[in-house]
């Protein structure tokens, strides 16, 4: 990709092509562990690299691979959000239970 982009730059492409075909950075090419372990630490702030959103016609009407990728990514993000919402609910309830326990304990002392 980098070699092809370098050659394209020699042809002085338009602004729309420059916006579409950005340079690849090393950190964009790292493999995400979210696929192997979606519950791993540090997944909260991960976002997809820009090249996953480039509209490319692969020569056929079947774009299901791309749609499935976005669907799976969205479902994982929603599941993470649901887990955090449930965790917040549990933490609030546990705090309430703890306060009630100590209030009850004061009546026994």
N, C-alpha and C. Protein backbone atom coordinates (compact mmCIF):
# COMPACT_ATOMS: atom_id res chain seq x y z
N UNK A 1 0.82 -1.18 0.00
CA UNK A 1 0.00 0.00 0.00
C UNK A 1 0.88 1.26 0.00
N UNK A 2 1.90 1.25 0.81
CA UNK A 2 2.77 2.43 0.93
C UNK A 2 3.48 2.74 -0.38
N UNK A 3 3.97 1.71 -1.06
CA UNK A 3 4.64 1.92 -2.35
C UNK A 3 3.65 2.46 -3.39
N UNK A 4 2.48 1.88 -3.42
CA UNK A 4 1.46 2.32 -4.38
C UNK A 4 1.04 3.75 -4.10
N UNK A 5 0.89 4.08 -2.82
CA UNK A 5 0.51 5.46 -2.46
C UNK A 5 1.61 6.45 -2.85
N UNK A 6 2.85 6.03 -2.67
CA UNK A 6 3.97 6.90 -3.04
C UNK A 6 3.95 7.20 -4.53
N UNK A 7 3.66 6.18 -5.33
CA UNK A 7 3.56 6.38 -6.78
C UNK A 7 2.35 7.27 -7.13
N UNK A 8 1.27 7.08 -6.42
CA UNK A 8 0.08 7.90 -6.65
C UNK A 8 0.38 9.38 -6.34
N UNK A 9 1.20 9.63 -5.34
CA UNK A 9 1.54 11.00 -4.98
C UNK A 9 2.32 11.69 -6.10
N UNK A 10 3.08 10.91 -6.87
CA UNK A 10 3.82 11.48 -7.99
C UNK A 10 2.87 11.97 -9.09
N UNK A 11 1.68 11.39 -9.14
CA UNK A 11 0.68 11.79 -10.15
C UNK A 11 -0.15 12.99 -9.71
N UNK A 12 0.17 13.53 -8.54
CA UNK A 12 -0.52 14.69 -7.98
C UNK A 12 -2.04 14.48 -7.95
N UNK A 13 -2.49 13.61 -7.06
CA UNK A 13 -3.93 13.32 -6.98
C UNK A 13 -4.72 14.50 -6.42
N UNK A 14 -6.02 14.43 -6.60
CA UNK A 14 -6.89 15.47 -6.08
C UNK A 14 -7.05 15.35 -4.57
N UNK A 15 -7.63 16.39 -3.99
CA UNK A 15 -7.80 16.43 -2.53
C UNK A 15 -8.70 15.29 -2.04
N UNK A 16 -9.71 14.92 -2.83
CA UNK A 16 -10.61 13.85 -2.41
C UNK A 16 -9.88 12.50 -2.34
N UNK A 17 -8.94 12.27 -3.26
CA UNK A 17 -8.16 11.04 -3.22
C UNK A 17 -7.16 11.05 -2.06
N UNK A 18 -6.59 12.20 -1.79
CA UNK A 18 -5.67 12.30 -0.65
C UNK A 18 -6.42 12.04 0.66
N UNK A 19 -7.64 12.52 0.73
CA UNK A 19 -8.45 12.31 1.93
C UNK A 19 -8.84 10.84 2.08
N UNK A 20 -9.08 10.17 0.95
CA UNK A 20 -9.50 8.77 0.98
C UNK A 20 -8.34 7.84 1.27
N UNK A 21 -7.19 8.06 0.64
CA UNK A 21 -6.04 7.18 0.78
C UNK A 21 -4.97 7.86 1.63
N UNK A 22 -5.15 7.78 2.91
CA UNK A 22 -4.22 8.41 3.87
C UNK A 22 -3.00 7.52 4.06
N UNK A 23 -1.92 8.09 4.58
CA UNK A 23 -0.75 7.25 4.86
C UNK A 23 -1.04 6.28 6.02
N UNK A 24 -0.49 5.09 5.92
CA UNK A 24 -0.64 4.11 7.00
C UNK A 24 0.43 4.34 8.05
N UNK A 25 0.02 4.33 9.28
CA UNK A 25 0.95 4.47 10.39
C UNK A 25 1.12 3.12 11.06
N UNK A 26 2.24 2.93 11.70
CA UNK A 26 2.54 1.66 12.34
C UNK A 26 1.52 1.27 13.39
N UNK A 27 1.05 2.23 14.18
CA UNK A 27 0.09 1.90 15.24
C UNK A 27 -1.28 1.49 14.67
N UNK A 28 -1.56 1.85 13.41
CA UNK A 28 -2.82 1.45 12.80
C UNK A 28 -2.78 0.00 12.32
N UNK A 29 -1.59 -0.56 12.23
CA UNK A 29 -1.44 -1.92 11.71
C UNK A 29 -1.30 -2.96 12.81
N UNK A 30 -1.36 -2.54 14.05
CA UNK A 30 -1.25 -3.49 15.15
C UNK A 30 -2.54 -4.30 15.26
N UNK A 31 -2.38 -5.55 15.60
CA UNK A 31 -3.53 -6.43 15.74
C UNK A 31 -4.19 -6.17 17.08
N UNK A 32 -5.51 -6.04 17.04
CA UNK A 32 -6.27 -5.82 18.26
C UNK A 32 -6.55 -7.15 18.94
N UNK A 33 -6.39 -7.18 20.25
CA UNK A 33 -6.70 -8.39 20.99
C UNK A 33 -8.19 -8.51 21.26
N UNK A 34 -8.96 -7.51 20.84
CA UNK A 34 -10.40 -7.55 21.07
C UNK A 34 -11.04 -8.71 20.34
N UNK A 35 -10.45 -9.14 19.24
CA UNK A 35 -10.99 -10.28 18.50
C UNK A 35 -10.78 -11.55 19.30
N UNK A 36 -9.58 -11.74 19.83
CA UNK A 36 -9.28 -12.95 20.59
C UNK A 36 -9.84 -12.94 21.98
N UNK A 37 -9.83 -11.78 22.62
CA UNK A 37 -10.32 -11.66 24.00
C UNK A 37 -11.02 -10.33 24.17
N UNK A 38 -12.32 -10.27 23.90
CA UNK A 38 -13.03 -9.00 24.00
C UNK A 38 -13.13 -8.46 25.42
N UNK A 39 -12.84 -9.29 26.43
CA UNK A 39 -12.92 -8.85 27.82
C UNK A 39 -11.56 -8.39 28.36
N UNK A 40 -10.56 -8.36 27.51
CA UNK A 40 -9.22 -7.97 27.96
C UNK A 40 -9.21 -6.50 28.38
N UNK A 41 -8.30 -6.18 29.28
CA UNK A 41 -8.18 -4.79 29.73
C UNK A 41 -7.71 -3.90 28.58
N UNK A 42 -8.12 -2.64 28.63
CA UNK A 42 -7.65 -1.66 27.67
C UNK A 42 -8.42 -1.63 26.36
N UNK A 43 -9.56 -2.28 26.26
CA UNK A 43 -10.33 -2.29 25.02
C UNK A 43 -11.30 -1.12 24.93
N UNK A 44 -11.51 -0.43 26.01
CA UNK A 44 -12.53 0.61 26.09
C UNK A 44 -12.30 1.74 25.09
N UNK A 45 -11.07 2.16 24.92
CA UNK A 45 -10.78 3.32 24.08
C UNK A 45 -10.29 2.95 22.68
N UNK A 46 -10.39 1.69 22.33
CA UNK A 46 -9.93 1.26 21.01
C UNK A 46 -10.94 1.69 19.95
N UNK A 47 -10.42 2.12 18.82
CA UNK A 47 -11.30 2.46 17.70
C UNK A 47 -10.71 1.84 16.43
N UNK A 48 -11.55 1.70 15.44
CA UNK A 48 -11.11 1.10 14.19
C UNK A 48 -10.20 2.05 13.43
N UNK A 49 -9.23 1.49 12.72
CA UNK A 49 -8.35 2.31 11.88
C UNK A 49 -9.16 2.87 10.71
N UNK A 50 -8.69 3.96 10.14
CA UNK A 50 -9.44 4.67 9.09
C UNK A 50 -9.73 3.80 7.88
N UNK A 51 -8.86 2.84 7.56
CA UNK A 51 -9.04 2.08 6.32
C UNK A 51 -10.22 1.12 6.39
N UNK A 52 -10.78 0.88 7.57
CA UNK A 52 -11.97 0.04 7.64
C UNK A 52 -13.22 0.77 7.18
N UNK A 53 -13.14 2.08 7.09
CA UNK A 53 -14.32 2.85 6.68
C UNK A 53 -14.24 3.35 5.24
N UNK A 54 -13.19 2.98 4.51
CA UNK A 54 -13.06 3.40 3.11
C UNK A 54 -14.05 2.60 2.27
N UNK A 55 -14.82 3.31 1.45
CA UNK A 55 -15.78 2.65 0.57
C UNK A 55 -15.04 2.11 -0.65
N UNK A 56 -15.00 0.80 -0.79
CA UNK A 56 -14.30 0.15 -1.89
C UNK A 56 -15.25 -0.84 -2.54
N UNK A 57 -15.37 -0.75 -3.86
CA UNK A 57 -16.17 -1.72 -4.59
C UNK A 57 -15.26 -2.87 -4.97
N UNK A 58 -15.54 -4.04 -4.44
CA UNK A 58 -14.68 -5.19 -4.69
C UNK A 58 -15.09 -5.96 -5.94
N UNK A 59 -15.82 -5.30 -6.81
CA UNK A 59 -16.17 -5.91 -8.07
C UNK A 59 -17.37 -6.83 -7.99
N UNK A 60 -18.19 -6.65 -7.00
CA UNK A 60 -19.35 -7.51 -6.89
C UNK A 60 -20.37 -6.93 -5.92
N UNK A 61 -21.58 -7.41 -6.01
CA UNK A 61 -22.62 -6.88 -5.13
C UNK A 61 -22.53 -7.41 -3.71
N UNK A 62 -21.72 -8.44 -3.48
CA UNK A 62 -21.66 -9.06 -2.16
C UNK A 62 -20.68 -8.31 -1.26
N UNK A 63 -21.19 -7.44 -0.44
CA UNK A 63 -20.38 -6.71 0.53
C UNK A 63 -20.62 -7.25 1.94
N UNK A 64 -21.12 -8.47 2.05
CA UNK A 64 -21.52 -9.02 3.34
C UNK A 64 -20.35 -9.11 4.31
N UNK A 65 -19.13 -9.34 3.81
CA UNK A 65 -17.98 -9.44 4.72
C UNK A 65 -17.79 -8.14 5.49
N UNK A 66 -17.96 -7.00 4.80
CA UNK A 66 -17.78 -5.70 5.44
C UNK A 66 -18.93 -5.42 6.39
N UNK A 67 -20.14 -5.73 5.98
CA UNK A 67 -21.29 -5.52 6.84
C UNK A 67 -21.20 -6.38 8.09
N UNK A 68 -20.75 -7.61 7.92
CA UNK A 68 -20.61 -8.50 9.08
C UNK A 68 -19.54 -7.98 10.03
N UNK A 69 -18.45 -7.44 9.49
CA UNK A 69 -17.39 -6.88 10.34
C UNK A 69 -17.94 -5.75 11.20
N UNK A 70 -18.67 -4.82 10.58
CA UNK A 70 -19.23 -3.70 11.33
C UNK A 70 -20.29 -4.18 12.33
N UNK A 71 -21.08 -5.17 11.93
CA UNK A 71 -22.10 -5.69 12.83
C UNK A 71 -21.46 -6.31 14.07
N UNK A 72 -20.42 -7.11 13.87
CA UNK A 72 -19.73 -7.74 15.00
C UNK A 72 -19.07 -6.68 15.88
N UNK A 73 -18.44 -5.69 15.26
CA UNK A 73 -17.81 -4.63 16.04
C UNK A 73 -18.85 -3.86 16.86
N UNK A 74 -20.00 -3.57 16.26
CA UNK A 74 -21.06 -2.86 16.96
C UNK A 74 -21.59 -3.72 18.11
N UNK A 75 -21.80 -5.01 17.88
CA UNK A 75 -22.32 -5.89 18.92
C UNK A 75 -21.35 -5.99 20.10
N UNK A 76 -20.06 -6.03 19.80
CA UNK A 76 -19.08 -6.08 20.90
C UNK A 76 -19.08 -4.78 21.70
N UNK A 77 -19.20 -3.66 21.00
CA UNK A 77 -19.24 -2.37 21.69
C UNK A 77 -20.50 -2.28 22.56
N UNK A 78 -21.63 -2.74 22.03
CA UNK A 78 -22.86 -2.71 22.80
C UNK A 78 -22.77 -3.63 24.02
N UNK A 79 -22.19 -4.82 23.85
CA UNK A 79 -22.03 -5.74 24.96
C UNK A 79 -21.15 -5.13 26.05
N UNK A 80 -20.09 -4.44 25.64
CA UNK A 80 -19.22 -3.78 26.61
C UNK A 80 -19.98 -2.70 27.35
N UNK A 81 -20.77 -1.91 26.64
CA UNK A 81 -21.57 -0.86 27.26
C UNK A 81 -22.58 -1.47 28.23
N UNK A 82 -23.22 -2.57 27.84
CA UNK A 82 -24.18 -3.23 28.72
C UNK A 82 -23.52 -3.76 29.98
N UNK A 83 -22.31 -4.32 29.85
CA UNK A 83 -21.59 -4.82 31.03
C UNK A 83 -21.26 -3.67 31.99
N UNK A 84 -20.82 -2.54 31.44
CA UNK A 84 -20.49 -1.40 32.30
C UNK A 84 -21.74 -0.84 32.97
N UNK A 85 -22.86 -0.82 32.27
CA UNK A 85 -24.11 -0.34 32.86
C UNK A 85 -24.53 -1.28 34.00
N UNK A 86 -24.42 -2.59 33.79
CA UNK A 86 -24.75 -3.54 34.83
C UNK A 86 -23.81 -3.40 36.02
N UNK A 87 -22.53 -3.19 35.74
CA UNK A 87 -21.54 -3.02 36.81
C UNK A 87 -21.86 -1.79 37.65
N UNK A 88 -22.25 -0.69 37.01
CA UNK A 88 -22.63 0.52 37.76
C UNK A 88 -23.83 0.25 38.66
N UNK A 89 -24.81 -0.46 38.15
CA UNK A 89 -25.98 -0.80 38.95
C UNK A 89 -25.58 -1.64 40.16
N UNK A 90 -24.73 -2.64 39.94
CA UNK A 90 -24.30 -3.50 41.05
C UNK A 90 -23.48 -2.73 42.09
N UNK A 91 -22.61 -1.85 41.64
CA UNK A 91 -21.81 -1.07 42.59
C UNK A 91 -22.71 -0.19 43.46
N UNK A 92 -23.71 0.44 42.85
CA UNK A 92 -24.64 1.27 43.63
C UNK A 92 -25.41 0.43 44.63
N UNK A 93 -25.88 -0.74 44.20
CA UNK A 93 -26.62 -1.62 45.12
C UNK A 93 -25.72 -2.14 46.24
N UNK A 94 -24.49 -2.51 45.92
CA UNK A 94 -23.57 -2.99 46.94
C UNK A 94 -23.26 -1.89 47.96
N UNK A 95 -23.14 -0.67 47.49
CA UNK A 95 -22.91 0.44 48.42
C UNK A 95 -24.11 0.61 49.34
N UNK A 96 -25.30 0.51 48.78
CA UNK A 96 -26.51 0.63 49.58
C UNK A 96 -26.60 -0.51 50.60
N UNK A 97 -26.29 -1.73 50.18
CA UNK A 97 -26.32 -2.88 51.08
C UNK A 97 -25.30 -2.72 52.21
N UNK A 98 -24.13 -2.21 51.88
CA UNK A 98 -23.07 -2.01 52.88
C UNK A 98 -23.52 -0.98 53.92
N UNK A 99 -24.08 0.13 53.45
CA UNK A 99 -24.56 1.15 54.39
C UNK A 99 -25.66 0.60 55.29
N UNK A 100 -26.58 -0.15 54.73
CA UNK A 100 -27.67 -0.74 55.52
C UNK A 100 -27.13 -1.76 56.52
N UNK A 101 -26.12 -2.52 56.11
CA UNK A 101 -25.53 -3.49 57.01
C UNK A 101 -24.91 -2.79 58.22
N UNK A 102 -24.17 -1.72 57.98
CA UNK A 102 -23.54 -1.03 59.11
C UNK A 102 -24.56 -0.33 59.99
N UNK A 103 -25.64 0.17 59.39
CA UNK A 103 -26.69 0.75 60.21
C UNK A 103 -27.35 -0.32 61.08
N UNK A 104 -27.56 -1.49 60.54
CA UNK A 104 -28.13 -2.60 61.28
C UNK A 104 -27.17 -3.03 62.39
N UNK A 105 -25.87 -3.05 62.04
CA UNK A 105 -24.85 -3.47 63.00
C UNK A 105 -24.79 -2.50 64.19
N UNK A 106 -25.06 -1.21 63.97
CA UNK A 106 -25.03 -0.24 65.06
C UNK A 106 -26.11 -0.53 66.09
N UNK A 107 -27.22 -1.12 65.66
CA UNK A 107 -28.29 -1.47 66.62
C UNK A 107 -27.88 -2.62 67.50
N UNK A 108 -26.94 -3.43 67.07
CA UNK A 108 -26.49 -4.58 67.88
C UNK A 108 -25.36 -4.20 68.83
N UNK A 109 -24.65 -3.13 68.54
CA UNK A 109 -23.54 -2.74 69.41
C UNK A 109 -24.13 -2.04 70.57
